[in-house]
């Protein structure tokens, strides 16, 4: 069941809220138990077999976590506790690996070493990547004694809480369960107002903005997949268009998740914070899929860097500290771990060569960015001059880097990606829609010979696509985001207002539960609801 569906908005959500608040009048435990049951129903709606697949995994992880809880209480059994933790991590990786990667691994073996493995149809449980990372983080936190106790109901609620099942965020038990334990489970007008507004913002972003631009983007990728050449303008429309599509799609789902959780008095962590405004790729990854970056940094990157640093210290080799770190230290302690972490990120996003290449490309971007931070500023006369140059330059480079990488993320196969990348640099020529080309009249003689007429896009499609790009770029780059608009009400965990200039756009648009904002939100929701049922892409089925 998708958040942007009639059955969710007009059936599932009202029933869920009614049951929660009615049960909350008599018993908080009954209300939280209702959330567990309704989350299971939500998970089973799309494909009931999902529950039969994921339930044994949840129970195994619960048993392992309870075992770890007992073992970590006895310091003499630290070795066994570590073994159980490794067993739990291996189980979860194997579970994810079978359902998500078995066919990819078979295809890779067939391609690379000439085997003849037969591909089988494997059911991919919804949200398996998000759930797996949460279960791994939970086991690590139990082993680290950061979770003193838990029940099966609490664990089930933590794993299956429906607002964060489809597209995250990836949450920690210790940031969620204290909120559930303190939740009043009663109607709260502020939580309802904030939740409705967050959900409304998100629904509008997904259904109107993201799905709106996808109508012009998807046909171009389909053209490339069919083996046809994509010329300069359509290639850039496809590249920038999909970047904006997934930007507003993910931003929309993140807002809707925040709003749905807020109905129950729970604040999810922020997962999206205007990443296209980033002035470097490091900043981009601190704003895009924030909780995934947090997970990979805490549980993969940091432990790996710490282990490598200790190895270098034993060998009396220098680390990254000091004003002049060595190239060897940079490659071993920063570039290498970064590339490995982003390789895992790419593989997590999808089982395919292009996802891996996308991850490695971002790993290269990050490594270059870190290298520039370490070695670049030395060549500038002052910090002010450096900042004045790097802020606009960094923004442009970051935006273009993200856009180019998104071609790999979206393309159906390597040949399609190749066609689009060639189109971006003009290797497939430059063309204009036939109707526009015909209207140029005498001006056609002034154009270079390689500019031709094309029937790939009609003049109307071309103009509408360019208009969509302009509007979406304006919104993404100039307007404050939802977290900023609603900061005074803590829309996400730990998000609070920041100082703003008296005449800034943020001050003018600051959200409050007033009649004018009620009219605005009602208009956005009506516009979104009227578009539900049209062409829409679900981008997270493979996560």
Protein backbone atom coordinates (compact mmCIF):
# COMPACT_ATOMS: atom_id res chain seq x y z
CA UNK A 1 0.00 0.00 0.00
CA UNK A 2 1.39 3.37 -1.01
CA UNK A 3 0.95 6.59 0.92
CA UNK A 4 -0.26 8.28 -2.28
CA UNK A 5 -3.25 5.99 -2.82
CA UNK A 6 -6.96 6.41 -2.17
CA UNK A 7 -7.14 3.24 -0.07
CA UNK A 8 -4.40 4.51 2.24
CA UNK A 9 -5.66 8.09 2.63
CA UNK A 10 -9.39 7.39 2.87
CA UNK A 11 -9.52 3.89 4.41
CA UNK A 12 -6.35 2.69 6.09
CA UNK A 13 -5.27 5.95 7.75
CA UNK A 14 -8.70 6.93 9.21
CA UNK A 15 -9.22 3.39 10.57
CA UNK A 16 -5.71 3.37 12.04
CA UNK A 17 -6.12 6.73 13.77
CA UNK A 18 -9.62 5.94 15.04
CA UNK A 19 -8.48 2.64 16.53
CA UNK A 20 -5.37 4.19 18.07
CA UNK A 21 -7.16 7.09 19.77
CA UNK A 22 -10.17 5.04 20.92
CA UNK A 23 -7.97 2.34 22.44
CA UNK A 24 -5.73 5.02 23.90
CA UNK A 25 -8.64 6.29 26.00
CA UNK A 26 -8.61 3.07 28.01
CA UNK A 27 -5.10 1.66 27.67
CA UNK A 28 -1.82 2.91 26.27
CA UNK A 29 -0.62 -0.69 25.84
CA UNK A 30 -3.68 -1.55 23.75
CA UNK A 31 -3.06 1.50 21.53
CA UNK A 32 0.58 0.52 20.92
CA UNK A 33 -0.47 -3.10 20.33
CA UNK A 34 -2.95 -1.80 17.75
CA UNK A 35 -0.07 -0.02 15.99
CA UNK A 36 1.82 -3.31 15.72
CA UNK A 37 -1.21 -5.13 14.29
CA UNK A 38 -2.06 -2.36 11.82
CA UNK A 39 1.58 -2.13 10.71
CA UNK A 40 1.54 -5.85 9.93
CA UNK A 41 -1.66 -5.33 7.93
CA UNK A 42 -0.02 -2.43 6.07
CA UNK A 43 2.99 -4.62 5.24
CA UNK A 44 0.76 -7.48 4.06
CA UNK A 45 -1.56 -5.32 1.92
CA UNK A 46 0.56 -5.28 -1.22
CA UNK A 47 1.61 -8.93 -1.03
CA UNK A 48 0.53 -11.04 2.00
CA UNK A 49 3.47 -13.41 1.54
CA UNK A 50 5.69 -10.51 2.64
CA UNK A 51 4.67 -11.17 6.25
CA UNK A 52 5.43 -14.89 6.01
CA UNK A 53 8.89 -14.04 4.68
CA UNK A 54 9.84 -11.26 7.07
CA UNK A 55 8.26 -12.64 10.28
CA UNK A 56 10.76 -15.50 10.80
CA UNK A 57 13.63 -13.05 10.30
CA UNK A 58 12.18 -10.70 12.93
CA UNK A 59 11.75 -13.57 15.41
CA UNK A 60 15.30 -14.86 14.82
CA UNK A 61 16.68 -11.37 15.41
CA UNK A 62 14.59 -11.01 18.57
CA UNK A 63 15.91 -14.29 19.96
CA UNK A 64 19.50 -13.35 19.10
CA UNK A 65 19.05 -9.91 20.70
CA UNK A 66 17.65 -11.44 23.92
CA UNK A 67 20.59 -13.83 23.98
CA UNK A 68 22.99 -10.93 23.50
CA UNK A 69 21.29 -9.03 26.32
CA UNK A 70 22.07 -11.89 28.73
CA UNK A 71 25.59 -12.44 27.46
CA UNK A 72 26.63 -8.79 27.67
CA UNK A 73 25.54 -8.70 31.32
CA UNK A 74 28.37 -11.15 32.08
CA UNK A 75 31.83 -9.82 31.22
CA UNK A 76 33.29 -13.32 31.25
CA UNK A 77 31.19 -14.20 28.20
CA UNK A 78 32.31 -11.29 26.02
CA UNK A 79 33.80 -13.64 23.43
CA UNK A 80 30.55 -15.57 23.01
CA UNK A 81 28.61 -12.30 22.84
CA UNK A 82 30.83 -11.12 19.99
CA UNK A 83 30.31 -14.44 18.21
CA UNK A 84 26.52 -14.16 18.55
CA UNK A 85 26.67 -10.61 17.19
CA UNK A 86 28.65 -11.75 14.16
CA UNK A 87 26.21 -14.61 13.68
CA UNK A 88 23.30 -12.16 13.74
CA UNK A 89 24.94 -9.81 11.24
CA UNK A 90 25.78 -12.74 8.96
CA UNK A 91 22.20 -14.01 9.16
CA UNK A 92 20.77 -10.63 8.19
CA UNK A 93 23.23 -10.10 5.35
CA UNK A 94 22.51 -13.61 4.05
CA UNK A 95 18.76 -13.03 4.34
CA UNK A 96 19.00 -9.79 2.39
CA UNK A 97 21.49 -11.35 -0.02
CA UNK A 98 19.21 -14.21 -0.98
CA UNK A 99 16.07 -12.19 -1.64
CA UNK A 100 17.74 -9.19 -3.24
CA UNK A 101 21.00 -10.35 -4.81
CA UNK A 102 20.85 -14.06 -5.66
CA UNK A 103 19.80 -13.44 -9.26
CA UNK A 104 22.28 -10.58 -9.64
CA UNK A 105 25.12 -12.79 -8.39
CA UNK A 106 24.05 -15.56 -10.76
CA UNK A 107 23.97 -13.08 -13.65
CA UNK A 108 27.40 -11.73 -12.69
CA UNK A 109 28.84 -15.26 -12.57
CA UNK A 110 27.33 -16.06 -15.96
CA UNK A 111 28.77 -12.84 -17.42
CA UNK A 112 32.23 -13.02 -15.87
CA UNK A 113 33.16 -16.70 -15.78
CA UNK A 114 30.76 -18.25 -18.28
CA UNK A 115 28.62 -20.28 -15.89
CA UNK A 116 25.07 -21.23 -16.79
CA UNK A 117 23.16 -20.54 -13.60
CA UNK A 118 19.41 -20.44 -14.18
CA UNK A 119 17.70 -17.33 -12.80
CA UNK A 120 14.73 -17.98 -10.54
CA UNK A 121 11.85 -15.70 -9.63
CA UNK A 122 12.43 -14.53 -6.06
CA UNK A 123 9.82 -12.49 -4.19
CA UNK A 124 11.43 -9.26 -2.96
CA UNK A 125 9.80 -8.28 0.37
CA UNK A 126 8.84 -4.62 0.59
CA UNK A 127 11.39 -2.44 2.39
CA UNK A 128 13.75 -5.36 3.05
CA UNK A 129 16.86 -3.16 2.79
CA UNK A 130 15.57 -0.66 5.35
CA UNK A 131 14.39 -3.40 7.72
CA UNK A 132 17.68 -5.32 7.46
CA UNK A 133 19.81 -2.29 8.32
CA UNK A 134 17.57 -1.50 11.29
CA UNK A 135 17.87 -5.05 12.60
CA UNK A 136 21.65 -4.99 12.24
CA UNK A 137 21.87 -1.62 14.04
CA UNK A 138 19.64 -3.02 16.80
CA UNK A 139 21.91 -6.03 17.38
CA UNK A 140 25.01 -3.83 17.46
CA UNK A 141 23.36 -1.46 19.94
CA UNK A 142 22.29 -4.36 22.19
CA UNK A 143 25.84 -5.72 22.09
CA UNK A 144 27.15 -2.25 22.95
CA UNK A 145 24.75 -2.17 25.97
CA UNK A 146 22.99 0.90 24.61
CA UNK A 147 19.63 -0.91 24.88
CA UNK A 148 19.06 -2.19 28.44
CA UNK A 149 15.75 -4.01 27.85
CA UNK A 150 12.97 -4.61 25.32
CA UNK A 151 9.87 -6.72 24.75
CA UNK A 152 8.64 -8.53 21.65
CA UNK A 153 5.89 -5.94 21.19
CA UNK A 154 8.36 -3.07 21.43
CA UNK A 155 10.75 -4.77 19.02
CA UNK A 156 7.95 -5.48 16.54
CA UNK A 157 6.79 -1.87 16.73
CA UNK A 158 10.35 -0.63 16.20
CA UNK A 159 10.88 -2.78 13.09
CA UNK A 160 7.43 -2.58 11.49
CA UNK A 161 6.15 0.92 12.39
CA UNK A 162 4.43 1.60 9.07
CA UNK A 163 5.35 5.29 8.46
CA UNK A 164 9.02 4.36 7.99
CA UNK A 165 8.62 1.01 6.20
CA UNK A 166 8.53 2.14 2.55
CA UNK A 167 11.33 4.69 2.24
CA UNK A 168 12.84 5.09 5.67
CA UNK A 169 14.20 6.78 7.60
CA UNK A 170 16.49 4.10 9.06
CA UNK A 171 15.84 4.57 12.77
CA UNK A 172 17.52 3.48 16.01
CA UNK A 173 15.65 1.76 18.80
CA UNK A 174 16.98 4.18 21.41
CA UNK A 175 15.61 7.22 19.57
CA UNK A 176 12.19 5.68 18.90
CA UNK A 177 11.09 3.61 21.89
CA UNK A 178 11.45 6.35 24.54
CA UNK A 179 8.95 8.34 22.46
CA UNK A 180 6.50 5.44 22.29
CA UNK A 181 6.91 4.88 26.03
CA UNK A 182 6.07 8.53 26.69
CA UNK A 183 3.30 8.84 24.08
CA UNK A 184 -0.07 9.83 25.55
CA UNK A 185 -1.94 7.94 22.81
CA UNK A 186 -4.59 10.65 22.91
CA UNK A 187 -5.84 13.19 20.40
CA UNK A 188 -3.47 16.16 20.38
CA UNK A 189 -4.49 19.08 18.18
CA UNK A 190 -0.91 20.31 17.66
CA UNK A 191 0.35 16.87 16.61
CA UNK A 192 -2.64 16.45 14.28
CA UNK A 193 -2.13 19.91 12.70
CA UNK A 194 1.62 19.38 12.24
CA UNK A 195 1.09 15.82 10.98
CA UNK A 196 -1.56 16.86 8.46
CA UNK A 197 0.62 19.67 7.12
CA UNK A 198 3.71 17.48 6.80
CA UNK A 199 1.69 14.77 5.06
CA UNK A 200 0.06 17.38 2.79
CA UNK A 201 3.39 18.90 1.80
CA UNK A 202 4.78 15.44 1.07
CA UNK A 203 1.76 14.27 -0.89
CA UNK A 204 1.90 17.38 -3.09
CA UNK A 205 5.62 16.93 -3.74
CA UNK A 206 5.19 13.29 -4.70
CA UNK A 207 1.96 13.35 -6.70
CA UNK A 208 2.11 16.77 -8.35
CA UNK A 209 5.80 17.67 -8.64
CA UNK A 210 7.65 14.33 -8.90
CA UNK A 211 5.00 12.49 -10.92
CA UNK A 212 4.46 15.63 -13.01
CA UNK A 213 8.02 15.77 -14.32
CA UNK A 214 8.22 11.98 -14.73
CA UNK A 215 5.80 12.19 -17.67
CA UNK A 216 8.51 13.95 -19.69
CA UNK A 217 11.52 12.11 -18.26
CA UNK A 218 10.54 8.44 -18.50
CA UNK A 219 9.94 8.37 -22.29
CA UNK A 220 13.49 9.63 -22.88
CA UNK A 221 14.98 6.84 -20.77
CA UNK A 222 12.76 4.36 -22.59
CA UNK A 223 14.06 5.71 -25.91
CA UNK A 224 17.64 5.17 -24.73
CA UNK A 225 16.79 1.66 -23.50
CA UNK A 226 15.41 0.81 -26.93
CA UNK A 227 18.80 1.63 -28.45
CA UNK A 228 17.87 4.94 -30.07
CA UNK A 229 20.20 7.92 -29.92
CA UNK A 230 19.37 10.70 -27.47
CA UNK A 231 20.61 14.11 -28.51
CA UNK A 232 21.84 16.99 -26.36
CA UNK A 233 18.63 18.69 -25.20
CA UNK A 234 16.59 15.53 -24.45
CA UNK A 235 19.61 14.05 -22.64
CA UNK A 236 19.84 17.05 -20.32
CA UNK A 237 16.07 17.04 -19.81
CA UNK A 238 16.32 13.36 -18.82
CA UNK A 239 19.33 13.84 -16.52
CA UNK A 240 18.16 16.97 -14.70
CA UNK A 241 14.53 15.86 -14.86
CA UNK A 242 15.14 12.55 -13.12
CA UNK A 243 17.35 14.25 -10.52
CA UNK A 244 14.42 16.54 -9.71
CA UNK A 245 11.92 13.69 -9.91
CA UNK A 246 13.70 11.55 -7.32
CA UNK A 247 14.48 14.69 -5.30
CA UNK A 248 10.80 15.58 -4.86
CA UNK A 249 9.74 11.94 -4.69
CA UNK A 250 12.11 11.17 -1.81
CA UNK A 251 11.47 14.53 -0.17
CA UNK A 252 7.74 13.87 -0.45
CA UNK A 253 7.92 10.39 1.06
CA UNK A 254 10.16 11.71 3.85
CA UNK A 255 7.65 14.45 4.68
CA UNK A 256 4.73 12.01 4.59
CA UNK A 257 6.59 9.63 6.92
CA UNK A 258 7.27 12.49 9.35
CA UNK A 259 3.62 13.54 9.25
CA UNK A 260 2.23 10.03 9.75
CA UNK A 261 4.51 9.39 12.74
CA UNK A 262 3.55 12.76 14.24
CA UNK A 263 -0.12 11.72 14.35
CA UNK A 264 0.94 9.22 17.03
CA UNK A 265 3.10 11.73 18.91
CA UNK A 266 6.37 10.38 17.47
CA UNK A 267 9.11 12.40 15.77
CA UNK A 268 11.16 10.50 13.20
CA UNK A 269 14.73 11.66 12.48
CA UNK A 270 15.23 13.97 9.51
CA UNK A 271 16.14 12.15 6.31
CA UNK A 272 16.19 14.90 3.69
CA UNK A 273 17.41 18.50 3.94
CA UNK A 274 17.59 20.29 0.56
CA UNK A 275 20.59 18.34 -0.79
CA UNK A 276 20.60 20.20 -4.12
CA UNK A 277 21.60 23.34 -2.22
CA UNK A 278 24.84 21.66 -1.17
CA UNK A 279 28.08 23.40 -2.19
CA UNK A 280 30.16 20.20 -2.10
CA UNK A 281 29.50 16.48 -2.37
CA UNK A 282 30.31 15.85 1.31
CA UNK A 283 27.58 18.31 2.26
CA UNK A 284 25.27 16.64 -0.27
CA UNK A 285 25.54 13.31 1.54
CA UNK A 286 24.90 15.02 4.88
CA UNK A 287 21.58 16.21 3.41
CA UNK A 288 20.51 13.30 1.14
CA UNK A 289 19.24 10.11 2.80
CA UNK A 290 20.67 11.36 6.08
CA UNK A 291 19.91 8.23 8.09
CA UNK A 292 21.56 5.93 5.52
CA UNK A 293 24.69 8.09 5.66
CA UNK A 294 24.52 7.93 9.45
CA UNK A 295 24.22 4.13 9.44
CA UNK A 296 27.04 3.52 6.96
CA UNK A 297 29.31 6.00 8.74
CA UNK A 298 28.69 4.59 12.22
CA UNK A 299 28.69 0.87 11.44
CA UNK A 300 31.02 0.54 8.45
CA UNK A 301 33.18 3.59 7.72
CA UNK A 302 34.22 4.56 11.26
CA UNK A 303 35.07 1.01 12.47
CA UNK A 304 37.06 0.39 9.27
CA UNK A 305 39.02 3.65 9.59
CA UNK A 306 39.69 2.97 13.29
CA UNK A 307 41.02 -0.51 12.51
CA UNK A 308 43.24 0.75 9.67
CA UNK A 309 44.53 3.60 11.83
CA UNK A 310 45.54 1.18 14.59
CA UNK A 311 47.34 -0.98 12.04
CA UNK A 312 49.29 2.03 10.79
CA UNK A 313 50.15 3.02 14.35
CA UNK A 314 51.54 -0.46 15.05
CA UNK A 315 53.73 -0.09 11.96
CA UNK A 316 54.70 3.45 13.10
CA UNK A 317 53.21 4.99 9.97
CA UNK A 318 51.71 8.50 10.09
CA UNK A 319 47.97 9.01 10.20
CA UNK A 320 45.84 11.81 8.77
CA UNK A 321 46.59 14.24 11.59
CA UNK A 322 48.85 17.23 11.16
CA UNK A 323 49.07 19.86 8.47
CA UNK A 324 50.71 17.70 5.82
CA UNK A 325 49.19 14.19 5.71
CA UNK A 326 50.92 11.78 3.38
CA UNK A 327 49.33 10.52 0.18
CA UNK A 328 49.59 6.96 1.51
CA UNK A 329 47.68 7.85 4.67
CA UNK A 330 45.00 9.61 2.62
CA UNK A 331 44.54 6.65 0.28
CA UNK A 332 44.44 4.05 3.05
CA UNK A 333 42.52 5.89 5.75
CA UNK A 334 40.15 8.03 3.73
CA UNK A 335 39.85 7.22 0.02
CA UNK A 336 39.82 3.44 0.45
CA UNK A 337 37.17 3.32 3.22
CA UNK A 338 35.10 5.93 1.38
CA UNK A 339 35.07 3.91 -1.85
CA UNK A 340 34.16 0.72 0.03
CA UNK A 341 31.37 2.46 1.95
CA UNK A 342 29.88 3.95 -1.20
CA UNK A 343 30.21 0.59 -2.97
CA UNK A 344 27.98 -0.84 -0.21
CA UNK A 345 25.65 2.15 -0.59
CA UNK A 346 25.31 1.52 -4.31
CA UNK A 347 24.69 -2.19 -3.80
CA UNK A 348 22.13 -1.42 -1.07
CA UNK A 349 20.17 0.77 -3.47
CA UNK A 350 19.80 -1.92 -6.10
CA UNK A 351 21.09 -5.24 -7.40
CA UNK A 352 22.76 -4.20 -10.63
CA UNK A 353 26.03 -3.10 -12.19
CA UNK A 354 24.86 0.48 -12.66
CA UNK A 355 23.91 0.87 -9.00
CA UNK A 356 27.39 -0.32 -8.03
CA UNK A 357 28.96 2.06 -10.54
CA UNK A 358 26.78 4.88 -9.18
CA UNK A 359 28.01 4.16 -5.66
CA UNK A 360 31.66 3.98 -6.71
CA UNK A 361 31.32 7.21 -8.67
CA UNK A 362 30.02 8.96 -5.57
CA UNK A 363 32.88 7.38 -3.62
CA UNK A 364 35.28 8.94 -6.12
CA UNK A 365 33.50 12.29 -5.80
CA UNK A 366 33.80 12.16 -2.01
CA UNK A 367 37.45 11.16 -2.14
CA UNK A 368 38.28 14.04 -4.47
CA UNK A 369 36.34 16.42 -2.22
CA UNK A 370 38.26 15.23 0.87
CA UNK A 371 41.55 15.51 -1.01
CA UNK A 372 40.71 19.07 -2.03
CA UNK A 373 39.85 19.95 1.57
CA UNK A 374 43.19 18.60 2.75
CA UNK A 375 45.46 19.94 0.03
CA UNK A 376 43.56 22.64 -1.91
CA UNK A 377 43.24 25.58 0.54
CA UNK A 378 47.03 25.85 0.89
CA UNK A 379 47.23 27.51 -2.53
CA UNK A 380 44.95 30.42 -1.63
CA UNK A 381 46.06 33.74 -0.20
CA UNK A 382 43.24 33.90 2.37
CA UNK A 383 40.31 31.90 3.66
CA UNK A 384 37.87 34.60 2.51
CA UNK A 385 39.13 34.45 -1.09
CA UNK A 386 38.94 30.66 -1.03
CA UNK A 387 35.35 30.69 0.28
CA UNK A 388 34.27 33.37 -2.19
CA UNK A 389 35.51 31.25 -5.09
CA UNK A 390 34.54 27.81 -3.82
CA UNK A 391 30.95 28.48 -2.78
CA UNK A 392 29.54 29.13 -6.31
CA UNK A 393 32.06 26.85 -8.00
CA UNK A 394 31.40 24.04 -5.55
CA UNK A 395 27.65 24.38 -5.99
CA UNK A 396 27.87 24.08 -9.79
CA UNK A 397 30.32 21.15 -9.66
CA UNK A 398 28.23 19.34 -7.07
CA UNK A 399 24.99 19.80 -9.00
CA UNK A 400 26.51 18.60 -12.28
CA UNK A 401 28.20 15.64 -10.56
CA UNK A 402 24.94 14.53 -8.96
CA UNK A 403 23.02 14.94 -12.24
CA UNK A 404 25.53 12.88 -14.23
CA UNK A 405 25.56 10.11 -11.62
CA UNK A 406 21.75 9.97 -11.63
CA UNK A 407 21.88 8.85 -15.26
CA UNK A 408 23.52 5.64 -14.03
CA UNK A 409 20.98 5.30 -11.23
CA UNK A 410 17.96 5.60 -13.55
CA UNK A 411 19.10 3.87 -16.74
CA UNK A 412 17.72 0.40 -17.37
CA UNK A 413 21.02 -0.95 -18.72
CA UNK A 414 24.58 0.05 -19.59
CA UNK A 415 23.76 0.76 -23.26
CA UNK A 416 21.01 3.20 -22.24
CA UNK A 417 23.38 4.95 -19.82
CA UNK A 418 26.01 5.17 -22.55
CA UNK A 419 23.54 6.78 -24.99
CA UNK A 420 22.44 9.35 -22.43
CA UNK A 421 25.98 10.20 -21.29
CA UNK A 422 27.03 10.63 -24.92
CA UNK A 423 24.01 12.85 -25.43
CA UNK A 424 24.98 15.05 -22.47
CA UNK A 425 28.25 16.01 -24.15
CA UNK A 426 26.74 16.34 -27.63
CA UNK A 427 28.25 13.21 -29.18
CA UNK A 428 24.82 12.20 -30.48
CA UNK A 429 24.31 15.60 -32.09
CA UNK A 430 21.97 18.46 -31.30
CA UNK A 431 18.36 18.53 -32.37
CA UNK A 432 15.23 20.58 -31.84
CA UNK A 433 11.61 19.40 -32.14
CA UNK A 434 10.41 19.45 -35.75
CA UNK A 435 7.77 22.13 -35.07
CA UNK A 436 10.23 24.47 -33.36
CA UNK A 437 12.87 23.90 -36.05
CA UNK A 438 10.33 24.73 -38.79
CA UNK A 439 9.38 27.99 -37.07
CA UNK A 440 12.95 29.29 -37.13
CA UNK A 441 12.60 30.29 -40.78
CA UNK A 442 15.68 32.18 -42.04
CA UNK A 443 17.40 31.65 -38.70
CA UNK A 444 17.94 28.01 -39.62
CA UNK A 445 20.71 29.10 -41.96
CA UNK A 446 22.63 30.56 -39.02
CA UNK A 447 22.66 27.27 -37.13
CA UNK A 448 25.59 24.85 -37.46
CA UNK A 449 25.00 21.90 -39.76
CA UNK A 450 24.94 19.42 -36.88
CA UNK A 451 21.78 21.04 -35.42
CA UNK A 452 18.88 19.10 -36.93
CA UNK A 453 15.15 18.58 -36.56
CA UNK A 454 13.85 15.68 -34.49
CA UNK A 455 10.56 13.92 -33.81
CA UNK A 456 11.63 12.37 -30.49
CA UNK A 457 9.82 15.13 -28.57
CA UNK A 458 7.01 17.32 -29.82
CA UNK A 459 7.30 21.09 -29.46
CA UNK A 460 4.66 21.04 -26.72
CA UNK A 461 6.47 18.31 -24.78
CA UNK A 462 9.77 20.16 -25.13
CA UNK A 463 8.35 23.48 -23.90
CA UNK A 464 6.43 21.85 -21.03
CA UNK A 465 9.50 19.85 -19.97
CA UNK A 466 11.68 22.96 -19.92
CA UNK A 467 9.00 24.82 -17.95
CA UNK A 468 8.80 21.97 -15.40
CA UNK A 469 12.58 21.99 -15.00
CA UNK A 470 12.56 25.73 -14.39
CA UNK A 471 9.77 25.61 -11.80
CA UNK A 472 11.21 22.63 -9.91
CA UNK A 473 14.72 24.09 -9.86
CA UNK A 474 13.28 27.32 -8.50
CA UNK A 475 11.47 25.48 -5.70
CA UNK A 476 14.40 23.19 -4.87
CA UNK A 477 17.09 25.87 -4.85
CA UNK A 478 15.41 29.05 -3.63
CA UNK A 479 12.53 28.10 -1.36
CA UNK A 480 12.93 26.96 2.27
CA UNK A 481 12.24 23.27 2.79
CA UNK A 482 9.53 21.74 4.96
CA UNK A 483 11.81 21.28 7.95
CA UNK A 484 12.69 24.98 7.84
CA UNK A 485 9.10 26.12 7.37
CA UNK A 486 7.88 24.11 10.35
CA UNK A 487 10.99 24.23 12.54
CA UNK A 488 9.28 25.92 15.51
CA UNK A 489 7.16 22.75 15.94
CA UNK A 490 10.11 20.30 15.67
CA UNK A 491 8.84 18.45 12.57
CA UNK A 492 11.69 15.93 12.84
CA UNK A 493 13.69 14.71 15.81
CA UNK A 494 16.10 17.43 16.94
CA UNK A 495 15.07 19.97 14.28
CA UNK A 496 14.70 23.44 15.80
CA UNK A 497 14.47 26.98 14.38
CA UNK A 498 17.65 28.69 13.21
CA UNK A 499 18.18 32.45 13.12
CA UNK A 500 16.82 34.08 9.96
CA UNK A 501 17.04 37.60 8.56
CA UNK A 502 13.97 39.74 9.34
CA UNK A 503 12.99 40.05 5.66
CA UNK A 504 13.98 36.53 4.57
CA UNK A 505 11.60 34.26 2.65
CA UNK A 506 11.70 31.85 5.59
CA UNK A 507 10.28 34.50 7.93
CA UNK A 508 7.52 35.33 5.45
CA UNK A 509 6.53 31.69 4.87
CA UNK A 510 6.99 30.44 8.45
CA UNK A 511 4.29 27.80 9.06
CA UNK A 512 1.76 28.31 11.84
CA UNK A 513 -1.61 26.61 12.49
CA UNK A 514 -3.63 29.56 11.20
CA UNK A 515 -6.49 30.01 8.74
CA UNK A 516 -4.27 31.28 5.86
CA UNK A 517 -2.02 28.26 6.17
CA UNK A 518 -5.07 25.99 6.45
CA UNK A 519 -6.29 27.39 3.10
CA UNK A 520 -2.86 26.85 1.52
CA UNK A 521 -2.56 23.28 2.80
CA UNK A 522 -6.11 22.43 1.75
CA UNK A 523 -5.36 23.66 -1.76
CA UNK A 524 -2.19 21.57 -1.97
CA UNK A 525 -3.95 18.45 -0.72
CA UNK A 526 -6.90 18.89 -3.10
CA UNK A 527 -4.52 19.36 -6.05
CA UNK A 528 -2.64 16.21 -5.01
CA UNK A 529 -5.74 14.07 -4.41
CA UNK A 530 -7.15 15.01 -7.81
CA UNK A 531 -3.96 13.66 -9.44
CA UNK A 532 -3.94 10.36 -7.54
CA UNK A 533 -4.65 7.50 -9.91
CA UNK A 534 -2.71 9.02 -12.79
CA UNK A 535 0.66 7.84 -14.03
CA UNK A 536 2.95 7.37 -11.06
CA UNK A 537 6.27 5.63 -10.47
CA UNK A 538 7.10 3.80 -7.24
CA UNK A 539 10.88 4.27 -7.06
CA UNK A 540 11.51 2.23 -3.89
CA UNK A 541 10.24 -1.23 -4.80
CA UNK A 542 13.80 -2.58 -4.99
CA UNK A 543 14.87 -1.14 -1.63
